[in-house]
Amino acid sequence: MSDLTKLSLTDALDGLASKQFSSREITDAFLAAIDRANPHLNAYVAVTHEKARAMADASDARRAQGRAGRLDGAPLGIKDLFCTEGVRSAACSAILGEFTPTYESTVTANLWAEGAVMLGKLNMDEFAMGSSNETSCFGNVINPWRSAGGNAQLTPGGSSGGSAAATSADLCLAATATDTGGSIRQPAAFTGTVGIKPTYGRCSRWGIVAFASSLDQAGPIGKTVTDAALMLSVMAGHDPKDSTSLPVQTPDFVAAVGRSVKGLKIGVPKEYRVDGMPAEIDALWEKGIAQLKDAGCEIVPISLPHTKYALPTYYIIAPAEASSNLARYDGMRYGARKVGKDLTETYEATRASGFGKEVQRRILIGTYVLSAGYYDAYYLRAQKVRARIAEDFTKAFTQCDAILTPTAPSSAFALGEKAGDPVQMYLNDIFTVTTNLAGLPGISVPAGLDANGLPLGLQVIGRALDEETVFAVAGALEKAAGFSAKAQAWW
């Protein structure tokens, strides 16, 4: 088969199980595709050819013995935020240099335990701080999609831009990603892929480089809703090494995808109809509402009154936690070091050269809002507003079973277009940050194309630990939308 890389994860696993091809064959096909495309897309920052082939051979041996796991032989990409034993894990930051962990993150260990194959480490915004994948020390990721009749390089979204671009361009069957304010869902929307941020605590954060500890959550990006469900079912699970990991059973997410949505109440929040929202986004939202109505859902108008405070709240809390988490990178214990004439100068030189401009900006904001004179005015107040935002969702879910919104306020924009204006860049998270602040699950499903032929996504938000309903609604939307467009290979 020549089109092995174009398969979905579930189709590839079916093919492996029926011995249509081996793990070694599909792994070699992906490695060849990466070698061709990556110089143009820059989705991978490390390609682990030999490790991937060794893992594929081991998988083929297990299948021959009848011991295959749920993902056995499936080649995946891993975001550079996940620590991988023996493979550089730099969070795409110069300050971590050639840091090579001697341990494996819990999420990736779960994947390897079920037989998955690692193709390499995926590019991302430095320390997951960014909405366009332009802050990586390894350079920008290029979206495989292009505007109709245009050659401008577009952003794949951020921070999981490498994960989204690689999945969209058929450079892996699926990928791990993380979401602190929209970093799984917005890139998924920009690349025509499916991305879910699960409930906070559903996946272990152990071995994932921290950005904002009360907001960060791992999740998958896949080609279909079923693929995302399968990935999450393996990635999730209680982990005693992570105190925020929830001691709950992982349901059968794949079974939930095909579940009937008849009778479900779908909330439509009036506050998400923001000023200046493109007509195409509004039309897509209305179309999604109509599709769910046709599937037997009841549409319920709801209110999330504190939505307008979500972005400012997020951009106080996230930088504050980042300032605290990133204090450990001082050039003393691991990573890069710039030697100065004394300890203070060594710290200063290391951090000035090791952190990029966006990371420095967020550290400074975070340090400011945590400082003695401003803690009550900013950080404490932001935490109180965060509690109000969570209360809004709790009240809304007394009226509905899931909430439907747009994923992002636009389709993919050109690289460099918003890089000079942080506020414009931060507005990309306007529809996604609320779920992080409230710790709720949210999924982005590709639902249509804009006038330039670029993908647009719709977001489904659910109750805490109710990913099953989220997957059921997402599956219904996917079926109704019938989205099958692919980026035309120009690389």
Protein backbone atom coordinates (compact mmCIF):
# COMPACT_ATOMS: atom_id res chain seq x y z
CA MET A 1 0.00 0.00 0.00
CA SER A 2 1.39 3.37 -1.01
CA ASP A 3 -0.98 5.57 1.02
CA LEU A 4 -0.34 4.15 4.49
CA THR A 5 0.30 7.63 5.91
CA LYS A 6 -3.16 8.82 4.82
CA LEU A 7 -4.94 6.28 7.03
CA SER A 8 -6.72 7.29 10.22
CA LEU A 9 -5.40 5.80 13.46
CA THR A 10 -8.30 3.36 13.77
CA ASP A 11 -8.02 2.26 10.11
CA ALA A 12 -4.27 1.77 10.50
CA LEU A 13 -4.80 -0.38 13.60
CA ASP A 14 -7.38 -2.46 11.69
CA GLY A 15 -4.86 -2.92 8.88
CA LEU A 16 -2.15 -3.97 11.31
CA ALA A 17 -4.50 -6.41 13.03
CA SER A 18 -5.54 -8.00 9.71
CA LYS A 19 -1.87 -8.18 8.62
CA GLN A 20 -2.41 -6.03 5.49
CA PHE A 21 0.91 -4.38 6.42
CA SER A 22 3.39 -4.46 9.28
CA SER A 23 4.28 -1.80 11.82
CA ARG A 24 7.73 -1.61 10.22
CA GLU A 25 6.16 -0.86 6.83
CA ILE A 26 3.87 1.92 8.06
CA THR A 27 6.64 3.34 10.26
CA ASP A 28 9.05 3.46 7.31
CA ALA A 29 6.33 5.15 5.23
CA PHE A 30 5.92 7.87 7.88
CA LEU A 31 9.68 8.37 8.30
CA ALA A 32 10.04 8.80 4.52
CA ALA A 33 7.14 11.30 4.49
CA ILE A 34 8.70 13.25 7.38
CA ASP A 35 12.11 13.36 5.66
CA ARG A 36 10.43 14.83 2.55
CA ALA A 37 8.08 17.30 4.24
CA ASN A 38 9.82 18.44 7.41
CA PRO A 39 12.38 20.77 5.75
CA HIS A 40 9.33 22.73 4.49
CA LEU A 41 6.89 22.42 7.43
CA ASN A 42 9.32 22.28 10.40
CA ALA A 43 6.80 20.23 12.38
CA TYR A 44 9.41 17.91 13.96
CA VAL A 45 12.39 19.15 15.98
CA ALA A 46 13.81 15.62 16.33
CA VAL A 47 13.07 12.56 14.19
CA THR A 48 13.92 9.30 15.97
CA HIS A 49 14.46 7.02 12.95
CA GLU A 50 16.27 4.17 14.69
CA LYS A 51 14.14 4.24 17.83
CA ALA A 52 10.96 4.20 15.72
CA ARG A 53 12.14 1.22 13.67
CA ALA A 54 13.17 -0.69 16.78
CA MET A 55 9.77 -0.02 18.41
CA ALA A 56 8.01 -1.08 15.18
CA ASP A 57 9.97 -4.33 14.99
CA ALA A 58 9.14 -5.06 18.65
CA SER A 59 5.46 -4.40 17.88
CA ASP A 60 5.48 -6.78 14.93
CA ALA A 61 7.01 -9.45 17.19
CA ARG A 62 4.25 -8.90 19.80
CA ARG A 63 1.52 -9.18 17.16
CA ALA A 64 3.04 -12.43 15.92
CA GLN A 65 2.78 -13.75 19.48
CA GLY A 66 -0.81 -12.49 19.91
CA ARG A 67 0.16 -9.91 22.56
CA ALA A 68 -0.82 -6.68 20.79
CA GLY A 69 -1.81 -3.64 22.84
CA ARG A 70 -4.53 -1.12 21.97
CA LEU A 71 -2.14 1.05 19.91
CA ASP A 72 0.33 -1.61 18.89
CA GLY A 73 2.45 -0.58 15.92
CA ALA A 74 0.82 2.86 15.47
CA PRO A 75 3.38 5.62 14.70
CA LEU A 76 2.74 8.79 16.74
CA GLY A 77 4.32 12.23 17.15
CA ILE A 78 5.13 13.59 20.62
CA LYS A 79 5.02 17.29 21.53
CA ASP A 80 8.40 18.50 22.78
CA LEU A 81 6.83 19.38 26.15
CA PHE A 82 6.66 15.67 27.11
CA CYS A 83 9.81 14.20 28.64
CA THR A 84 10.95 11.16 26.66
CA GLU A 85 13.67 8.90 28.01
CA GLY A 86 16.88 9.18 26.03
CA VAL A 87 15.45 11.74 23.57
CA ARG A 88 16.04 15.50 23.89
CA SER A 89 13.09 17.25 25.53
CA ALA A 90 13.67 21.00 25.37
CA ALA A 91 10.14 22.49 25.38
CA CYS A 92 11.50 24.27 22.27
CA SER A 93 13.46 26.64 24.52
CA ALA A 94 17.16 27.48 24.25
CA ILE A 95 17.42 27.48 28.05
CA LEU A 96 16.94 23.70 28.19
CA GLY A 97 19.64 23.18 25.57
CA GLU A 98 20.21 19.48 24.92
CA PHE A 99 18.40 18.30 28.07
CA THR A 100 17.82 14.56 27.65
CA PRO A 101 15.62 13.01 30.34
CA THR A 102 16.49 9.73 32.02
CA TYR A 103 12.77 9.10 32.60
CA GLU A 104 9.49 9.00 30.67
CA SER A 105 6.41 11.17 31.19
CA THR A 106 3.41 9.21 32.45
CA VAL A 107 1.33 10.01 29.34
CA THR A 108 3.99 8.79 26.88
CA ALA A 109 4.72 5.76 29.10
CA ASN A 110 1.00 4.88 28.81
CA LEU A 111 1.25 5.08 25.01
CA TRP A 112 4.38 2.89 24.84
CA ALA A 113 2.77 0.37 27.22
CA GLU A 114 0.01 -0.10 24.63
CA GLY A 115 2.55 -0.60 21.82
CA ALA A 116 2.64 2.82 20.12
CA VAL A 117 5.71 3.82 18.09
CA MET A 118 7.48 7.19 18.55
CA LEU A 119 8.38 8.97 15.30
CA GLY A 120 9.97 11.96 17.02
CA LYS A 121 9.45 15.20 18.96
CA LEU A 122 7.14 17.89 17.61
CA ASN A 123 7.73 21.63 17.41
CA MET A 124 5.75 24.00 19.64
CA ASP A 125 5.75 27.51 21.05
CA GLU A 126 8.50 27.92 23.64
CA PHE A 127 7.27 26.51 26.99
CA ALA A 128 3.82 26.30 25.31
CA MET A 129 3.51 30.10 25.38
CA GLY A 130 1.98 31.27 22.14
CA SER A 131 -0.97 31.03 19.76
CA SER A 132 0.88 30.81 16.43
CA ASN A 133 3.98 28.60 16.91
CA GLU A 134 6.28 31.56 16.26
CA THR A 135 8.11 31.51 19.62
CA SER A 136 9.98 28.19 19.24
CA CYS A 137 13.77 28.35 19.40
CA PHE A 138 13.69 25.90 16.46
CA GLY A 139 11.78 28.32 14.21
CA ASN A 140 8.19 28.60 13.02
CA VAL A 141 5.98 25.66 12.13
CA ILE A 142 4.30 26.12 8.73
CA ASN A 143 0.64 25.17 8.34
CA PRO A 144 0.24 22.58 5.55
CA TRP A 145 -2.89 24.48 4.45
CA ARG A 146 -2.69 27.50 2.16
CA SER A 147 -5.29 30.06 1.14
CA ALA A 148 -6.88 29.43 -2.24
CA GLY A 149 -4.64 31.04 -4.86
CA GLY A 150 -2.15 32.25 -2.23
CA ASN A 151 1.38 31.27 -1.28
CA ALA A 152 1.61 33.03 2.10
CA GLN A 153 2.90 30.84 4.92
CA LEU A 154 0.14 30.40 7.50
CA THR A 155 0.29 29.62 11.20
CA PRO A 156 -0.84 26.15 12.30
CA GLY A 157 -1.90 27.73 15.62
CA GLY A 158 -0.19 27.29 18.94
CA SER A 159 1.21 26.16 21.15
CA SER A 160 0.71 22.63 19.74
CA GLY A 161 1.39 23.77 16.17
CA GLY A 162 3.78 20.93 15.40
CA SER A 163 1.27 18.34 16.64
CA ALA A 164 -1.53 19.80 14.50
CA ALA A 165 0.60 20.35 11.39
CA ALA A 166 2.11 16.84 11.53
CA THR A 167 -1.30 15.19 11.97
CA SER A 168 -2.88 17.30 9.22
CA ALA A 169 -0.01 16.68 6.77
CA ASP A 170 -0.07 12.90 7.41
CA LEU A 171 3.31 12.90 9.16
CA CYS A 172 1.91 10.80 12.05
CA LEU A 173 -1.33 8.94 12.76
CA ALA A 174 -2.00 11.17 15.78
CA ALA A 175 -0.03 13.28 18.24
CA THR A 176 0.17 14.24 21.89
CA ALA A 177 -0.46 17.88 22.72
CA THR A 178 -1.13 20.12 25.71
CA ASP A 179 -3.70 22.85 26.35
CA THR A 180 -3.29 25.70 28.86
CA GLY A 181 -5.61 28.25 27.22
CA GLY A 182 -6.55 26.65 23.90
CA SER A 183 -3.28 25.12 22.71
CA ILE A 184 -4.90 21.87 21.51
CA ARG A 185 -8.21 23.17 20.21
CA GLN A 186 -7.09 26.29 18.31
CA PRO A 187 -4.36 24.47 16.30
CA ALA A 188 -6.86 21.68 15.56
CA ALA A 189 -9.30 24.28 14.20
CA PHE A 190 -6.57 25.88 12.06
CA THR A 191 -5.50 22.57 10.49
CA GLY A 192 -8.74 20.63 9.97
CA THR A 193 -7.96 18.11 12.72
CA VAL A 194 -9.71 17.02 15.93
CA GLY A 195 -8.27 18.05 19.30
CA ILE A 196 -9.61 17.50 22.81
CA LYS A 197 -8.57 19.08 26.09
CA PRO A 198 -9.92 16.68 28.72
CA THR A 199 -11.06 17.55 32.24
CA TYR A 200 -8.25 18.95 34.40
CA GLY A 201 -6.72 15.95 36.17
CA ARG A 202 -7.89 13.37 33.62
CA CYS A 203 -4.30 12.98 32.27
CA SER A 204 -1.21 13.02 34.46
CA ARG A 205 1.03 16.08 34.23
CA TRP A 206 4.05 14.16 35.57
CA GLY A 207 6.97 14.46 33.19
CA ILE A 208 5.37 17.32 31.20
CA VAL A 209 7.32 20.59 31.37
CA ALA A 210 5.12 22.97 33.37
CA PHE A 211 3.75 26.28 32.10
CA ALA A 212 0.78 27.10 34.36
CA SER A 213 0.18 24.18 36.70
CA SER A 214 -3.50 24.82 37.50
CA LEU A 215 -4.38 25.15 33.79
CA ASP A 216 -2.09 22.73 31.87
CA GLN A 217 -3.68 19.52 30.59
CA ALA A 218 -2.49 16.93 28.10
CA GLY A 219 -4.69 15.67 25.29
CA PRO A 220 -4.50 14.28 21.75
CA ILE A 221 -4.80 15.69 18.24
CA GLY A 222 -6.13 13.17 15.71
CA LYS A 223 -7.63 12.94 12.24
CA THR A 224 -11.09 11.90 13.46
CA VAL A 225 -13.19 12.09 16.63
CA THR A 226 -12.81 8.32 17.09
CA ASP A 227 -9.02 8.61 16.80
CA ALA A 228 -8.99 11.33 19.47
CA ALA A 229 -11.19 9.19 21.71
CA LEU A 230 -8.88 6.18 21.35
CA MET A 231 -5.78 8.27 22.04
CA LEU A 232 -7.32 9.87 25.14
CA SER A 233 -8.45 6.49 26.50
CA VAL A 234 -4.79 5.39 26.51
CA MET A 235 -3.24 8.71 27.63
CA ALA A 236 -5.63 9.14 30.59
CA GLY A 237 -5.58 7.44 33.97
CA HIS A 238 -4.81 8.07 37.62
CA ASP A 239 -1.16 8.66 38.47
CA PRO A 240 -0.04 8.78 42.13
CA LYS A 241 3.06 10.75 41.03
CA ASP A 242 0.81 13.72 40.14
CA SER A 243 -1.16 15.17 43.06
CA THR A 244 -3.65 16.80 40.65
CA SER A 245 -4.38 13.50 38.85
CA LEU A 246 -7.94 12.40 39.54
CA PRO A 247 -8.45 8.90 41.01
CA VAL A 248 -11.22 7.96 38.57
CA GLN A 249 -11.77 5.20 36.03
CA THR A 250 -11.25 5.97 32.34
CA PRO A 251 -14.53 5.31 30.48
CA ASP A 252 -14.78 3.78 27.00
CA PHE A 253 -14.49 7.02 25.04
CA VAL A 254 -14.53 5.23 21.67
CA ALA A 255 -17.95 3.69 22.40
CA ALA A 256 -19.26 7.16 23.33
CA VAL A 257 -18.48 8.57 19.86
CA GLY A 258 -21.29 6.65 18.18
CA ARG A 259 -23.82 7.23 20.95
CA SER A 260 -27.16 8.85 20.05
CA VAL A 261 -27.48 12.52 20.95
CA LYS A 262 -31.27 12.54 20.66
CA GLY A 263 -32.81 14.42 23.57
CA LEU A 264 -29.57 16.10 24.66
CA LYS A 265 -29.83 19.79 25.52
CA ILE A 266 -27.14 21.90 23.80
CA GLY A 267 -26.40 25.31 25.32
CA VAL A 268 -25.59 28.29 23.12
CA PRO A 269 -23.99 31.11 25.17
CA LYS A 270 -25.01 34.61 24.07
CA GLU A 271 -21.71 36.06 25.39
CA TYR A 272 -19.74 34.23 22.68
CA ARG A 273 -21.28 36.44 19.99
CA VAL A 274 -18.46 38.94 20.27
CA ASP A 275 -18.14 42.28 18.48
CA GLY A 276 -16.35 42.05 15.14
CA MET A 277 -16.73 38.26 14.86
CA PRO A 278 -16.39 37.33 11.18
CA ALA A 279 -19.69 36.48 9.48
CA GLU A 280 -18.21 33.13 8.38
CA ILE A 281 -17.64 32.07 12.00
CA ASP A 282 -21.16 33.07 12.97
CA ALA A 283 -22.62 31.23 9.95
CA LEU A 284 -20.62 28.10 10.81
CA TRP A 285 -21.92 28.25 14.39
CA GLU A 286 -25.53 28.56 13.17
CA LYS A 287 -24.95 25.63 10.83
CA GLY A 288 -23.61 23.53 13.72
CA ILE A 289 -26.64 24.46 15.83
CA ALA A 290 -28.95 23.38 12.98
CA GLN A 291 -27.06 20.10 12.50
CA LEU A 292 -27.39 19.17 16.17
CA LYS A 293 -31.07 20.13 16.09
CA ASP A 294 -31.52 17.77 13.11
CA ALA A 295 -29.76 15.04 15.11
CA GLY A 296 -32.46 15.34 17.79
CA CYS A 297 -30.85 17.78 20.21
CA GLU A 298 -32.73 20.57 21.93
CA ILE A 299 -31.04 23.97 21.59
CA VAL A 300 -31.08 26.04 24.79
CA PRO A 301 -29.96 29.70 25.02
CA ILE A 302 -27.66 30.08 28.04
CA SER A 303 -25.67 32.86 29.69
CA LEU A 304 -22.06 32.78 30.88
CA PRO A 305 -22.00 36.35 32.23
CA HIS A 306 -18.35 36.49 33.32
CA THR A 307 -17.00 35.44 29.90
CA LYS A 308 -15.77 38.99 29.17
CA TYR A 309 -13.39 38.74 32.12
CA ALA A 310 -11.93 35.37 31.07
CA LEU A 311 -9.03 36.61 28.93
CA PRO A 312 -7.74 39.21 31.43
CA THR A 313 -8.13 36.66 34.24
CA TYR A 314 -6.21 34.04 32.25
CA TYR A 315 -3.43 36.47 31.36
CA ILE A 316 -2.90 37.23 35.06
CA ILE A 317 -3.08 33.68 36.42
CA ALA A 318 -1.11 31.91 33.66
CA PRO A 319 1.90 34.30 33.69
CA ALA A 320 1.90 34.26 37.51
CA GLU A 321 2.19 30.47 37.55
CA ALA A 322 4.72 30.58 34.70
CA SER A 323 6.86 33.06 36.64
CA SER A 324 6.93 30.64 39.57
CA ASN A 325 7.49 27.49 37.46
CA LEU A 326 10.22 28.97 35.27
CA ALA A 327 12.25 30.25 38.23
CA ARG A 328 13.94 26.82 38.30
CA TYR A 329 15.69 27.46 34.95
CA ASP A 330 18.78 29.27 36.16
CA GLY A 331 21.64 27.46 34.39
CA MET A 332 22.80 25.79 37.60
CA ARG A 333 21.45 22.24 37.48
CA TYR A 334 20.63 21.37 33.86
CA GLY A 335 20.18 22.99 30.47
CA ALA A 336 22.17 25.81 28.93
CA ARG A 337 24.41 28.14 30.97
CA LYS A 338 26.00 31.49 30.15
CA VAL A 339 28.88 32.05 32.58
CA GLY A 340 29.21 35.52 34.13
CA LYS A 341 31.77 37.01 36.50
CA ASP A 342 29.65 36.06 39.54
CA LEU A 343 26.50 34.10 40.42
CA THR A 344 24.07 36.96 39.78
CA GLU A 345 25.55 37.75 36.38
CA THR A 346 25.46 34.04 35.45
CA TYR A 347 21.75 33.90 36.33
CA GLU A 348 21.02 37.07 34.37
CA ALA A 349 23.01 36.09 31.28
CA THR A 350 21.59 32.56 31.23
CA ARG A 351 17.97 33.66 31.50
CA ALA A 352 18.36 36.63 29.13
CA SER A 353 19.79 34.44 26.37
CA GLY A 354 17.86 31.27 27.17
CA PHE A 355 14.31 32.65 27.25
CA GLY A 356 12.67 34.10 24.13
CA LYS A 357 10.87 37.47 24.10
CA GLU A 358 7.35 36.10 24.68
CA VAL A 359 8.47 33.95 27.62
CA GLN A 360 10.33 36.92 29.10
CA ARG A 361 7.20 39.05 28.69
CA ARG A 362 5.05 36.54 30.56
CA ILE A 363 7.63 36.03 33.33
CA LEU A 364 7.75 39.80 33.87
CA ILE A 365 3.93 40.10 33.93
CA GLY A 366 3.70 37.15 36.32
CA THR A 367 6.37 38.46 38.64
CA TYR A 368 4.65 41.88 38.68
CA VAL A 369 1.17 40.54 39.59
CA LEU A 370 2.66 38.37 42.35
CA SER A 371 4.73 41.18 43.86
CA ALA A 372 3.88 42.42 47.36
CA GLY A 373 2.20 45.66 46.34
CA TYR A 374 0.06 44.19 43.56
CA TYR A 375 -0.84 40.64 44.66
CA ASP A 376 -4.27 41.58 46.05
CA ALA A 377 -5.12 43.97 43.21
CA TYR A 378 -4.31 41.49 40.43
CA TYR A 379 -3.64 37.86 41.32
CA LEU A 380 -6.11 37.52 44.21
CA ARG A 381 -8.83 39.32 42.27
CA ALA A 382 -8.19 37.14 39.21
CA GLN A 383 -8.63 34.01 41.33
CA LYS A 384 -11.99 35.32 42.59
CA VAL A 385 -13.15 36.01 39.02
CA ARG A 386 -11.97 32.52 38.04
CA ALA A 387 -14.30 31.08 40.69
CA ARG A 388 -17.18 33.14 39.22
CA ILE A 389 -16.43 31.80 35.71
CA ALA A 390 -16.55 28.23 37.05
CA GLU A 391 -19.88 29.05 38.78
CA ASP A 392 -21.28 30.31 35.45
CA PHE A 393 -20.63 26.90 33.90
CA THR A 394 -22.09 25.06 36.92
CA LYS A 395 -25.33 27.05 36.54
CA ALA A 396 -25.38 26.60 32.75
CA PHE A 397 -25.08 22.83 33.10
CA THR A 398 -28.29 22.74 35.12
CA GLN A 399 -29.99 23.79 31.85
CA CYS A 400 -27.97 21.83 29.27
CA ASP A 401 -25.82 18.73 28.72
CA ALA A 402 -23.12 20.31 26.51
CA ILE A 403 -22.26 23.73 25.09
CA LEU A 404 -21.55 24.57 21.44
CA THR A 405 -19.33 27.51 20.47
CA PRO A 406 -16.83 28.44 17.74
CA THR A 407 -13.27 27.26 18.48
CA ALA A 408 -11.38 30.33 17.24
CA PRO A 409 -12.37 33.83 16.07
CA SER A 410 -10.81 33.30 12.62
CA SER A 411 -9.19 30.77 10.31
CA ALA A 412 -5.39 30.45 10.16
CA PHE A 413 -3.65 33.79 9.66
CA ALA A 414 -0.30 34.53 8.04
CA LEU A 415 2.89 34.05 10.02
CA GLY A 416 4.11 37.44 11.22
CA GLU A 417 0.66 39.02 10.90
CA LYS A 418 0.05 39.35 14.64
CA ALA A 419 3.54 38.74 16.03
CA GLY A 420 4.11 42.42 16.77
CA ASP A 421 0.87 42.88 18.74
CA PRO A 422 0.62 40.64 21.82
CA VAL A 423 -2.97 41.70 22.58
CA GLN A 424 -4.17 40.75 19.07
CA MET A 425 -2.37 37.41 19.49
CA TYR A 426 -3.93 36.79 22.92
CA LEU A 427 -7.43 37.37 21.47
CA ASN A 428 -7.06 34.06 19.61
CA ASP A 429 -7.85 32.36 22.93
CA ILE A 430 -11.14 34.21 23.46
CA PHE A 431 -13.38 31.12 23.03
CA THR A 432 -11.07 28.56 24.64
CA VAL A 433 -9.62 29.95 27.90
CA THR A 434 -12.86 29.64 29.88
CA THR A 435 -12.71 25.82 29.84
CA ASN A 436 -9.16 25.87 31.21
CA LEU A 437 -10.12 28.30 33.98
CA ALA A 438 -13.06 26.04 34.91
CA GLY A 439 -11.16 22.76 34.35
CA LEU A 440 -13.76 21.45 31.88
CA PRO A 441 -13.37 19.21 28.80
CA GLY A 442 -13.56 20.84 25.36
CA ILE A 443 -13.11 19.44 21.85
CA SER A 444 -12.62 21.12 18.48
CA VAL A 445 -14.16 19.43 15.44
CA PRO A 446 -13.49 20.56 11.84
CA ALA A 447 -16.87 21.76 10.55
CA GLY A 448 -16.27 23.65 7.31
CA LEU A 449 -14.05 25.83 5.12
CA ASP A 450 -13.91 29.62 4.91
CA ALA A 451 -14.03 31.63 1.66
CA ASN A 452 -10.30 31.03 1.17
CA GLY A 453 -10.63 27.26 1.54
CA LEU A 454 -9.16 27.18 5.07
CA PRO A 455 -10.60 24.94 7.81
CA LEU A 456 -12.83 26.23 10.61
CA GLY A 457 -13.69 24.41 13.82
CA LEU A 458 -16.59 24.20 16.27
CA GLN A 459 -16.05 23.58 19.98
CA VAL A 460 -18.09 21.34 22.28
CA ILE A 461 -17.70 21.94 26.04
CA GLY A 462 -18.93 19.44 28.63
CA ARG A 463 -19.30 18.96 32.36
CA ALA A 464 -16.23 17.97 34.36
CA LEU A 465 -15.41 14.28 33.74
CA ASP A 466 -18.18 13.99 31.14
CA GLU A 467 -15.97 13.54 28.08
CA GLU A 468 -18.39 10.82 26.94
CA THR A 469 -21.12 13.37 26.16
CA VAL A 470 -18.53 15.64 24.55
CA PHE A 471 -17.41 12.80 22.28
CA ALA A 472 -21.03 11.84 21.46
CA VAL A 473 -21.88 15.42 20.39
CA ALA A 474 -18.56 15.77 18.54
CA GLY A 475 -19.26 12.52 16.70
CA ALA A 476 -22.69 13.79 15.65
CA LEU A 477 -21.18 17.07 14.43
CA GLU A 478 -18.44 15.23 12.52
CA LYS A 479 -21.02 13.00 10.82
CA ALA A 480 -23.27 15.95 9.90
CA ALA A 481 -20.44 18.17 8.69
CA GLY A 482 -18.88 15.40 6.59
CA PHE A 483 -15.58 17.28 6.62
CA SER A 484 -13.14 15.48 4.31
CA ALA A 485 -10.98 18.30 2.92
CA LYS A 486 -7.21 17.88 3.08
CA ALA A 487 -4.33 20.30 2.63
CA GLN A 488 -2.96 20.02 -0.91
CA ALA A 489 0.69 19.00 -0.71
CA TRP A 490 2.91 21.90 -1.84
CA TRP A 491 6.01 20.65 -0.02
